[in-house]
Amino acid sequence: MIFFLFALLLISCSAPEKRLEREGLTLAFHSQSSLISEVRELQLEHPIKISTAQTMNHLLLLHYEELTLRGGKKYIFSSNDVLDITPLITKALNRMRANK
């Protein structure tokens, strides 16, 4: 789900150099033409309205499994990371406009 949200974030922005920055985190927006064809073919619904709590929940649930003998689930973001980046990601997702 969060991959889809990040894809929406990247696809929806028209200015290739537009950036949002906050305390060591930078989100850079790239034009749709710079992305691979599979991403360009996604059918997107704009604008997306997502609350800070929903964004935080998605970020906290993102995880991967190590490709080792023991394996194991590892979370992508720590709780502190999520607290830091949630407002920025929520703001970016809520600012997306249709046809951009």
PDB file of N, CA and C in Angstrom:
ATOM      1  N   MET A   1       0.813  -1.187   0.000  1.00  0.00           N
ATOM      2  CA  MET A   1       0.000   0.000   0.000  1.00  0.00           C
ATOM      3  C   MET A   1       0.862   1.258   0.000  1.00  0.00           C
ATOM      4  N   ILE A   2       1.912   1.257   0.830  1.00  0.00           N
ATOM      5  CA  ILE A   2       2.737   2.461   0.898  1.00  0.00           C
ATOM      6  C   ILE A   2       3.501   2.658  -0.403  1.00  0.00           C
ATOM      7  N   PHE A   3       3.900   1.548  -1.074  1.00  0.00           N
ATOM      8  CA  PHE A   3       4.555   1.694  -2.379  1.00  0.00           C
ATOM      9  C   PHE A   3       3.618   2.412  -3.332  1.00  0.00           C
ATOM     10  N   PHE A   4       2.350   2.041  -3.313  1.00  0.00           N
ATOM     11  CA  PHE A   4       1.360   2.693  -4.161  1.00  0.00           C
ATOM     12  C   PHE A   4       1.249   4.175  -3.814  1.00  0.00           C
ATOM     13  N   LEU A   5       1.249   4.494  -2.524  1.00  0.00           N
ATOM     14  CA  LEU A   5       1.164   5.890  -2.104  1.00  0.00           C
ATOM     15  C   LEU A   5       2.381   6.683  -2.558  1.00  0.00           C
ATOM     16  N   PHE A   6       3.568   6.072  -2.443  1.00  0.00           N
ATOM     17  CA  PHE A   6       4.771   6.762  -2.909  1.00  0.00           C
ATOM     18  C   PHE A   6       4.753   6.909  -4.421  1.00  0.00           C
ATOM     19  N   ALA A   7       4.239   5.905  -5.132  1.00  0.00           N
ATOM     20  CA  ALA A   7       4.127   6.020  -6.588  1.00  0.00           C
ATOM     21  C   ALA A   7       3.184   7.168  -6.936  1.00  0.00           C
ATOM     22  N   LEU A   8       2.084   7.274  -6.210  1.00  0.00           N
ATOM     23  CA  LEU A   8       1.164   8.396  -6.417  1.00  0.00           C
ATOM     24  C   LEU A   8       1.862   9.725  -6.165  1.00  0.00           C
ATOM     25  N   LEU A   9       2.639   9.748  -5.120  1.00  0.00           N
ATOM     26  CA  LEU A   9       3.354  10.958  -4.765  1.00  0.00           C
ATOM     27  C   LEU A   9       4.287  11.396  -5.880  1.00  0.00           C
ATOM     28  N   LEU A  10       5.022  10.460  -6.434  1.00  0.00           N
ATOM     29  CA  LEU A  10       5.972  10.785  -7.491  1.00  0.00           C
ATOM     30  C   LEU A  10       5.292  11.126  -8.807  1.00  0.00           C
ATOM     31  N   ILE A  11       4.234  10.418  -9.139  1.00  0.00           N
ATOM     32  CA  ILE A  11       3.558  10.613 -10.420  1.00  0.00           C
ATOM     33  C   ILE A  11       2.780  11.918 -10.457  1.00  0.00           C
ATOM     34  N   SER A  12       2.248  12.333  -9.349  1.00  0.00           N
ATOM     35  CA  SER A  12       1.305  13.445  -9.335  1.00  0.00           C
ATOM     36  C   SER A  12       1.938  14.828  -9.428  1.00  0.00           C
ATOM     37  N   CYS A  13       3.208  14.919  -9.354  1.00  0.00           N
ATOM     38  CA  CYS A  13       3.856  16.226  -9.313  1.00  0.00           C
ATOM     39  C   CYS A  13       4.355  16.627 -10.690  1.00  0.00           C
ATOM     40  N   SER A  14       4.105  17.874 -11.066  1.00  0.00           N
ATOM     41  CA  SER A  14       4.460  18.326 -12.404  1.00  0.00           C
ATOM     42  C   SER A  14       5.847  18.937 -12.482  1.00  0.00           C
ATOM     43  N   ALA A  15       6.352  19.511 -11.425  1.00  0.00           N
ATOM     44  CA  ALA A  15       7.660  20.161 -11.465  1.00  0.00           C
ATOM     45  C   ALA A  15       8.754  19.150 -11.151  1.00  0.00           C
ATOM     46  N   PRO A  16       9.682  18.914 -12.103  1.00  0.00           N
ATOM     47  CA  PRO A  16      10.691  17.886 -11.885  1.00  0.00           C
ATOM     48  C   PRO A  16      11.633  18.201 -10.732  1.00  0.00           C
ATOM     49  N   GLU A  17      11.797  19.445 -10.371  1.00  0.00           N
ATOM     50  CA  GLU A  17      12.734  19.810  -9.318  1.00  0.00           C
ATOM     51  C   GLU A  17      12.065  20.151  -7.994  1.00  0.00           C
ATOM     52  N   LYS A  18      10.771  19.982  -7.891  1.00  0.00           N
ATOM     53  CA  LYS A  18      10.066  20.345  -6.666  1.00  0.00           C
ATOM     54  C   LYS A  18      10.491  19.431  -5.524  1.00  0.00           C
ATOM     55  N   ARG A  19      10.725  20.016  -4.368  1.00  0.00           N
ATOM     56  CA  ARG A  19      11.170  19.252  -3.204  1.00  0.00           C
ATOM     57  C   ARG A  19      10.449  19.726  -1.946  1.00  0.00           C
ATOM     58  N   LEU A  20      10.222  18.789  -1.041  1.00  0.00           N
ATOM     59  CA  LEU A  20       9.745  19.101   0.303  1.00  0.00           C
ATOM     60  C   LEU A  20      10.824  18.621   1.262  1.00  0.00           C
ATOM     61  N   GLU A  21      11.203  19.458   2.209  1.00  0.00           N
ATOM     62  CA  GLU A  21      12.264  19.088   3.143  1.00  0.00           C
ATOM     63  C   GLU A  21      11.814  19.341   4.572  1.00  0.00           C
ATOM     64  N   ARG A  22      12.262  18.447   5.445  1.00  0.00           N
ATOM     65  CA  ARG A  22      12.000  18.625   6.867  1.00  0.00           C
ATOM     66  C   ARG A  22      13.014  17.819   7.656  1.00  0.00           C
ATOM     67  N   GLU A  23      13.777  18.473   8.465  1.00  0.00           N
ATOM     68  CA  GLU A  23      14.699  17.864   9.423  1.00  0.00           C
ATOM     69  C   GLU A  23      15.427  16.639   8.875  1.00  0.00           C
ATOM     70  N   GLY A  24      16.171  16.813   7.812  1.00  0.00           N
ATOM     71  CA  GLY A  24      16.995  15.735   7.292  1.00  0.00           C
ATOM     72  C   GLY A  24      16.311  14.814   6.305  1.00  0.00           C
ATOM     73  N   LEU A  25      15.030  14.981   6.040  1.00  0.00           N
ATOM     74  CA  LEU A  25      14.323  14.162   5.056  1.00  0.00           C
ATOM     75  C   LEU A  25      13.937  15.049   3.889  1.00  0.00           C
ATOM     76  N   THR A  26      14.233  14.596   2.689  1.00  0.00           N
ATOM     77  CA  THR A  26      13.864  15.328   1.483  1.00  0.00           C
ATOM     78  C   THR A  26      13.050  14.422   0.583  1.00  0.00           C
ATOM     79  N   LEU A  27      11.876  14.891   0.169  1.00  0.00           N
ATOM     80  CA  LEU A  27      11.080  14.208  -0.840  1.00  0.00           C
ATOM     81  C   LEU A  27      11.237  14.998  -2.124  1.00  0.00           C
ATOM     82  N   ALA A  28      11.721  14.337  -3.167  1.00  0.00           N
ATOM     83  CA  ALA A  28      11.895  15.000  -4.458  1.00  0.00           C
ATOM     84  C   ALA A  28      10.838  14.479  -5.415  1.00  0.00           C
ATOM     85  N   PHE A  29      10.212  15.382  -6.153  1.00  0.00           N
ATOM     86  CA  PHE A  29       9.180  15.017  -7.104  1.00  0.00           C
ATOM     87  C   PHE A  29       9.766  14.985  -8.503  1.00  0.00           C
ATOM     88  N   HIS A  30       9.437  13.951  -9.250  1.00  0.00           N
ATOM     89  CA  HIS A  30       9.921  13.795 -10.619  1.00  0.00           C
ATOM     90  C   HIS A  30       8.725  13.737 -11.558  1.00  0.00           C
ATOM     91  N   SER A  31       8.911  14.227 -12.771  1.00  0.00           N
ATOM     92  CA  SER A  31       7.808  14.203 -13.728  1.00  0.00           C
ATOM     93  C   SER A  31       7.463  12.767 -14.099  1.00  0.00           C
ATOM     94  N   GLN A  32       6.231  12.567 -14.498  1.00  0.00           N
ATOM     95  CA  GLN A  32       5.761  11.235 -14.860  1.00  0.00           C
ATOM     96  C   GLN A  32       6.578  10.662 -16.008  1.00  0.00           C
ATOM     97  N   SER A  33       7.025  11.493 -16.926  1.00  0.00           N
ATOM     98  CA  SER A  33       7.767  11.009 -18.091  1.00  0.00           C
ATOM     99  C   SER A  33       9.106  10.396 -17.716  1.00  0.00           C
ATOM    100  N   SER A  34       9.607  10.695 -16.523  1.00  0.00           N
ATOM    101  CA  SER A  34      10.887  10.128 -16.115  1.00  0.00           C
ATOM    102  C   SER A  34      10.737   8.758 -15.457  1.00  0.00           C
ATOM    103  N   LEU A  35       9.502   8.307 -15.272  1.00  0.00           N
ATOM    104  CA  LEU A  35       9.261   7.026 -14.615  1.00  0.00           C
ATOM    105  C   LEU A  35       9.064   5.922 -15.644  1.00  0.00           C
ATOM    106  N   ILE A  36       9.179   4.691 -15.191  1.00  0.00           N
ATOM    107  CA  ILE A  36       9.030   3.555 -16.095  1.00  0.00           C
ATOM    108  C   ILE A  36       7.597   3.433 -16.600  1.00  0.00           C
ATOM    109  N   SER A  37       7.428   2.783 -17.741  1.00  0.00           N
ATOM    110  CA  SER A  37       6.121   2.727 -18.400  1.00  0.00           C
ATOM    111  C   SER A  37       5.041   2.061 -17.539  1.00  0.00           C
ATOM    112  N   GLU A  38       5.399   1.072 -16.739  1.00  0.00           N
ATOM    113  CA  GLU A  38       4.393   0.406 -15.905  1.00  0.00           C
ATOM    114  C   GLU A  38       3.768   1.384 -14.913  1.00  0.00           C
ATOM    115  N   VAL A  39       4.560   2.261 -14.366  1.00  0.00           N
ATOM    116  CA  VAL A  39       4.046   3.224 -13.404  1.00  0.00           C
ATOM    117  C   VAL A  39       3.171   4.256 -14.110  1.00  0.00           C
ATOM    118  N   ARG A  40       3.561   4.645 -15.332  1.00  0.00           N
ATOM    119  CA  ARG A  40       2.775   5.630 -16.083  1.00  0.00           C
ATOM    120  C   ARG A  40       1.388   5.109 -16.434  1.00  0.00           C
ATOM    121  N   GLU A  41       1.220   3.788 -16.516  1.00  0.00           N
ATOM    122  CA  GLU A  41      -0.064   3.211 -16.901  1.00  0.00           C
ATOM    123  C   GLU A  41      -1.028   3.037 -15.728  1.00  0.00           C
ATOM    124  N   LEU A  42      -0.607   3.342 -14.523  1.00  0.00           N
ATOM    125  CA  LEU A  42      -1.486   3.221 -13.367  1.00  0.00           C
ATOM    126  C   LEU A  42      -2.666   4.172 -13.495  1.00  0.00           C
ATOM    127  N   GLN A  43      -3.823   3.696 -13.112  1.00  0.00           N
ATOM    128  CA  GLN A  43      -5.008   4.547 -13.070  1.00  0.00           C
ATOM    129  C   GLN A  43      -5.067   5.155 -11.672  1.00  0.00           C
ATOM    130  N   LEU A  44      -4.931   6.449 -11.602  1.00  0.00           N
ATOM    131  CA  LEU A  44      -4.842   7.120 -10.314  1.00  0.00           C
ATOM    132  C   LEU A  44      -6.106   7.905 -10.009  1.00  0.00           C
ATOM    133  N   GLU A  45      -6.428   7.985  -8.747  1.00  0.00           N
ATOM    134  CA  GLU A  45      -7.565   8.777  -8.304  1.00  0.00           C
ATOM    135  C   GLU A  45      -7.032   9.936  -7.472  1.00  0.00           C
ATOM    136  N   HIS A  46      -7.360  11.150  -7.893  1.00  0.00           N
ATOM    137  CA  HIS A  46      -6.890  12.336  -7.189  1.00  0.00           C
ATOM    138  C   HIS A  46      -8.075  13.181  -6.790  1.00  0.00           C
ATOM    139  N   PRO A  47      -8.022  14.000  -5.814  1.00  0.00           N
ATOM    140  CA  PRO A  47      -6.963  14.007  -4.810  1.00  0.00           C
ATOM    141  C   PRO A  47      -7.202  12.901  -3.793  1.00  0.00           C
ATOM    142  N   ILE A  48      -6.159  12.457  -3.165  1.00  0.00           N
ATOM    143  CA  ILE A  48      -6.271  11.471  -2.100  1.00  0.00           C
ATOM    144  C   ILE A  48      -6.343  12.245  -0.787  1.00  0.00           C
ATOM    145  N   LYS A  49      -7.233  11.852   0.049  1.00  0.00           N
ATOM    146  CA  LYS A  49      -7.332  12.469   1.370  1.00  0.00           C
ATOM    147  C   LYS A  49      -6.952  11.404   2.385  1.00  0.00           C
ATOM    148  N   ILE A  50      -5.855  11.630   3.072  1.00  0.00           N
ATOM    149  CA  ILE A  50      -5.370  10.671   4.059  1.00  0.00           C
ATOM    150  C   ILE A  50      -4.999  11.442   5.319  1.00  0.00           C
ATOM    151  N   SER A  51      -5.380  10.894   6.445  1.00  0.00           N
ATOM    152  CA  SER A  51      -5.102  11.565   7.714  1.00  0.00           C
ATOM    153  C   SER A  51      -3.683  11.249   8.176  1.00  0.00           C
ATOM    154  N   THR A  52      -3.225  12.031   9.112  1.00  0.00           N
ATOM    155  CA  THR A  52      -1.907  11.791   9.703  1.00  0.00           C
ATOM    156  C   THR A  52      -1.875  10.418  10.368  1.00  0.00           C
ATOM    157  N   ALA A  53      -2.949  10.051  11.035  1.00  0.00           N
ATOM    158  CA  ALA A  53      -3.007   8.742  11.703  1.00  0.00           C
ATOM    159  C   ALA A  53      -2.927   7.601  10.691  1.00  0.00           C
ATOM    160  N   GLN A  54      -3.608   7.736   9.556  1.00  0.00           N
ATOM    161  CA  GLN A  54      -3.558   6.694   8.527  1.00  0.00           C
ATOM    162  C   GLN A  54      -2.152   6.574   7.941  1.00  0.00           C
ATOM    163  N   THR A  55      -1.531   7.700   7.650  1.00  0.00           N
ATOM    164  CA  THR A  55      -0.174   7.681   7.114  1.00  0.00           C
ATOM    165  C   THR A  55       0.774   7.034   8.111  1.00  0.00           C
ATOM    166  N   MET A  56       0.656   7.414   9.363  1.00  0.00           N
ATOM    167  CA  MET A  56       1.517   6.851  10.403  1.00  0.00           C
ATOM    168  C   MET A  56       1.335   5.338  10.493  1.00  0.00           C
ATOM    169  N   ASN A  57       0.099   4.880  10.435  1.00  0.00           N
ATOM    170  CA  ASN A  57      -0.180   3.451  10.501  1.00  0.00           C
ATOM    171  C   ASN A  57       0.478   2.707   9.339  1.00  0.00           C
ATOM    172  N   HIS A  58       0.360   3.244   8.123  1.00  0.00           N
ATOM    173  CA  HIS A  58       0.971   2.600   6.960  1.00  0.00           C
ATOM    174  C   HIS A  58       2.488   2.537   7.099  1.00  0.00           C
ATOM    175  N   LEU A  59       3.095   3.614   7.549  1.00  0.00           N
ATOM    176  CA  LEU A  59       4.551   3.637   7.684  1.00  0.00           C
ATOM    177  C   LEU A  59       5.031   2.667   8.759  1.00  0.00           C
ATOM    178  N   LEU A  60       4.289   2.574   9.857  1.00  0.00           N
ATOM    179  CA  LEU A  60       4.678   1.657  10.931  1.00  0.00           C
ATOM    180  C   LEU A  60       4.557   0.190  10.518  1.00  0.00           C
ATOM    181  N   LEU A  61       3.661  -0.104   9.588  1.00  0.00           N
ATOM    182  CA  LEU A  61       3.439  -1.489   9.174  1.00  0.00           C
ATOM    183  C   LEU A  61       4.362  -1.956   8.054  1.00  0.00           C
ATOM    184  N   LEU A  62       5.087  -1.052   7.430  1.00  0.00           N
ATOM    185  CA  LEU A  62       5.993  -1.453   6.350  1.00  0.00           C
ATOM    186  C   LEU A  62       7.133  -2.296   6.902  1.00  0.00           C
ATOM    187  N   HIS A  63       7.330  -3.455   6.317  1.00  0.00           N
ATOM    188  CA  HIS A  63       8.415  -4.329   6.759  1.00  0.00           C
ATOM    189  C   HIS A  63       8.918  -5.178   5.597  1.00  0.00           C
ATOM    190  N   TYR A  64      10.015  -5.848   5.814  1.00  0.00           N
ATOM    191  CA  TYR A  64      10.571  -6.773   4.836  1.00  0.00           C
ATOM    192  C   TYR A  64      11.116  -7.978   5.586  1.00  0.00           C
ATOM    193  N   GLU A  65      11.370  -9.044   4.866  1.00  0.00           N
ATOM    194  CA  GLU A  65      11.963 -10.227   5.477  1.00  0.00           C
ATOM    195  C   GLU A  65      13.365 -10.401   4.951  1.00  0.00           C
ATOM    196  N   GLU A  66      14.302 -10.626   5.855  1.00  0.00           N
ATOM    197  CA  GLU A  66      15.690 -10.817   5.466  1.00  0.00           C
ATOM    198  C   GLU A  66      15.841 -12.115   4.686  1.00  0.00           C
ATOM    199  N   LEU A  67      16.715 -12.093   3.701  1.00  0.00           N
ATOM    200  CA  LEU A  67      16.997 -13.289   2.911  1.00  0.00           C
ATOM    201  C   LEU A  67      18.202 -14.011   3.493  1.00  0.00           C
ATOM    202  N   THR A  68      18.041 -14.491   4.710  1.00  0.00           N
ATOM    203  CA  THR A  68      19.087 -15.250   5.388  1.00  0.00           C
ATOM    204  C   THR A  68      18.475 -16.547   5.881  1.00  0.00           C
ATOM    205  N   LEU A  69      19.304 -17.417   6.406  1.00  0.00           N
ATOM    206  CA  LEU A  69      18.785 -18.685   6.920  1.00  0.00           C
ATOM    207  C   LEU A  69      17.798 -18.467   8.061  1.00  0.00           C
ATOM    208  N   ARG A  70      18.090 -17.525   8.914  1.00  0.00           N
ATOM    209  CA  ARG A  70      17.191 -17.249  10.033  1.00  0.00           C
ATOM    210  C   ARG A  70      16.006 -16.400   9.618  1.00  0.00           C
ATOM    211  N   GLY A  71      16.162 -15.668   8.530  1.00  0.00           N
ATOM    212  CA  GLY A  71      15.062 -14.815   8.076  1.00  0.00           C
ATOM    213  C   GLY A  71      14.714 -13.775   9.113  1.00  0.00           C
ATOM    214  N   GLY A  72      13.478 -13.496   9.217  1.00  0.00           N
ATOM    215  CA  GLY A  72      13.027 -12.541  10.225  1.00  0.00           C
ATOM    216  C   GLY A  72      12.481 -11.274   9.611  1.00  0.00           C
ATOM    217  N   LYS A  73      11.441 -10.773  10.247  1.00  0.00           N
ATOM    218  CA  LYS A  73      10.790  -9.556   9.783  1.00  0.00           C
ATOM    219  C   LYS A  73      11.511  -8.348  10.379  1.00  0.00           C
ATOM    220  N   LYS A  74      11.811  -7.377   9.538  1.00  0.00           N
ATOM    221  CA  LYS A  74      12.427  -6.123   9.979  1.00  0.00           C
ATOM    222  C   LYS A  74      11.540  -4.975   9.512  1.00  0.00           C
ATOM    223  N   TYR A  75      11.346  -4.020  10.394  1.00  0.00           N
ATOM    224  CA  TYR A  75      10.549  -2.856  10.027  1.00  0.00           C
ATOM    225  C   TYR A  75      11.418  -1.845   9.298  1.00  0.00           C
ATOM    226  N   ILE A  76      10.842  -1.181   8.314  1.00  0.00           N
ATOM    227  CA  ILE A  76      11.585  -0.232   7.498  1.00  0.00           C
ATOM    228  C   ILE A  76      11.847   1.054   8.270  1.00  0.00           C
ATOM    229  N   PHE A  77      10.864   1.539   9.003  1.00  0.00           N
ATOM    230  CA  PHE A  77      11.008   2.785   9.748  1.00  0.00           C
ATOM    231  C   PHE A  77      10.883   2.521  11.241  1.00  0.00           C
ATOM    232  N   SER A  78      11.709   3.194  12.023  1.00  0.00           N
ATOM    233  CA  SER A  78      11.560   3.137  13.477  1.00  0.00           C
ATOM    234  C   SER A  78      10.398   4.050  13.880  1.00  0.00           C
ATOM    235  N   SER A  79       9.956   3.915  15.108  1.00  0.00           N
ATOM    236  CA  SER A  79       8.873   4.777  15.603  1.00  0.00           C
ATOM    237  C   SER A  79       9.267   6.245  15.534  1.00  0.00           C
ATOM    238  N   ASN A  80      10.519   6.547  15.870  1.00  0.00           N
ATOM    239  CA  ASN A  80      10.988   7.935  15.799  1.00  0.00           C
ATOM    240  C   ASN A  80      11.015   8.439  14.365  1.00  0.00           C
ATOM    241  N   ASP A  81      11.441   7.583  13.421  1.00  0.00           N
ATOM    242  CA  ASP A  81      11.435   7.972  12.006  1.00  0.00           C
ATOM    243  C   ASP A  81      10.018   8.313  11.558  1.00  0.00           C
ATOM    244  N   VAL A  82       9.076   7.467  11.946  1.00  0.00           N
ATOM    245  CA  VAL A  82       7.679   7.670  11.547  1.00  0.00           C
ATOM    246  C   VAL A  82       7.147   8.985  12.104  1.00  0.00           C
ATOM    247  N   LEU A  83       7.461   9.281  13.350  1.00  0.00           N
ATOM    248  CA  LEU A  83       7.021  10.552  13.941  1.00  0.00           C
ATOM    249  C   LEU A  83       7.597  11.745  13.183  1.00  0.00           C
ATOM    250  N   ASP A  84       8.825  11.606  12.705  1.00  0.00           N
ATOM    251  CA  ASP A  84       9.478  12.702  11.982  1.00  0.00           C
ATOM    252  C   ASP A  84       8.927  12.899  10.574  1.00  0.00           C
ATOM    253  N   ILE A  85       8.664  11.808   9.852  1.00  0.00           N
ATOM    254  CA  ILE A  85       8.321  11.936   8.430  1.00  0.00           C
ATOM    255  C   ILE A  85       6.825  11.936   8.135  1.00  0.00           C
ATOM    256  N   THR A  86       6.006  11.496   9.060  1.00  0.00           N
ATOM    257  CA  THR A  86       4.565  11.419   8.812  1.00  0.00           C
ATOM    258  C   THR A  86       3.945  12.752   8.387  1.00  0.00           C
ATOM    259  N   PRO A  87       4.223  13.858   9.067  1.00  0.00           N
ATOM    260  CA  PRO A  87       3.593  15.117   8.635  1.00  0.00           C
ATOM    261  C   PRO A  87       3.969  15.512   7.210  1.00  0.00           C
ATOM    262  N   LEU A  88       5.214  15.291   6.835  1.00  0.00           N
ATOM    263  CA  LEU A  88       5.666  15.653   5.495  1.00  0.00           C
ATOM    264  C   LEU A  88       5.001  14.794   4.426  1.00  0.00           C
ATOM    265  N   ILE A  89       4.934  13.494   4.650  1.00  0.00           N
ATOM    266  CA  ILE A  89       4.325  12.591   3.668  1.00  0.00           C
ATOM    267  C   ILE A  89       2.819  12.842   3.570  1.00  0.00           C
ATOM    268  N   THR A  90       2.162  13.050   4.703  1.00  0.00           N
ATOM    269  CA  THR A  90       0.725  13.338   4.693  1.00  0.00           C
ATOM    270  C   THR A  90       0.442  14.620   3.921  1.00  0.00           C
ATOM    271  N   LYS A  91       1.231  15.638   4.166  1.00  0.00           N
ATOM    272  CA  LYS A  91       1.060  16.915   3.470  1.00  0.00           C
ATOM    273  C   LYS A  91       1.241  16.736   1.968  1.00  0.00           C
ATOM    274  N   ALA A  92       2.265  15.994   1.565  1.00  0.00           N
ATOM    275  CA  ALA A  92       2.523  15.775   0.140  1.00  0.00           C
ATOM    276  C   ALA A  92       1.381  15.005  -0.520  1.00  0.00           C
ATOM    277  N   LEU A  93       0.894  13.962   0.128  1.00  0.00           N
ATOM    278  CA  LEU A  93      -0.195  13.164  -0.444  1.00  0.00           C
ATOM    279  C   LEU A  93      -1.482  13.976  -0.566  1.00  0.00           C
ATOM    280  N   ASN A  94      -1.763  14.805   0.408  1.00  0.00           N
ATOM    281  CA  ASN A  94      -2.987  15.607   0.375  1.00  0.00           C
ATOM    282  C   ASN A  94      -2.910  16.780  -0.595  1.00  0.00           C
ATOM    283  N   ARG A  95      -1.721  17.145  -1.040  1.00  0.00           N
ATOM    284  CA  ARG A  95      -1.565  18.261  -1.977  1.00  0.00           C
ATOM    285  C   ARG A  95      -1.586  17.827  -3.437  1.00  0.00           C
ATOM    286  N   MET A  96      -1.615  16.539  -3.704  1.00  0.00           N
ATOM    287  CA  MET A  96      -1.617  16.077  -5.091  1.00  0.00           C
ATOM    288  C   MET A  96      -2.852  16.586  -5.812  1.00  0.00           C
ATOM    289  N   ARG A  97      -2.666  16.871  -7.099  1.00  0.00           N
ATOM    290  CA  ARG A  97      -3.784  17.328  -7.921  1.00  0.00           C
ATOM    291  C   ARG A  97      -3.976  16.369  -9.090  1.00  0.00           C
ATOM    292  N   ALA A  98      -5.185  16.323  -9.584  1.00  0.00           N
ATOM    293  CA  ALA A  98      -5.496  15.457 -10.726  1.00  0.00           C
ATOM    294  C   ALA A  98      -4.738  15.928 -11.962  1.00  0.00           C
ATOM    295  N   ASN A  99      -4.439  14.972 -12.846  1.00  0.00           N
ATOM    296  CA  ASN A  99      -3.793  15.239 -14.133  1.00  0.00           C
ATOM    297  C   ASN A  99      -2.420  15.858 -14.010  1.00  0.00           C
ATOM    298  N   LYS A 100      -1.698  15.555 -12.973  1.00  0.00           N
ATOM    299  CA  LYS A 100      -0.332  16.071 -12.819  1.00  0.00           C
ATOM    300  C   LYS A 100       0.626  14.928 -12.684  1.00  0.00           C
TER     301      LYS A 100
END
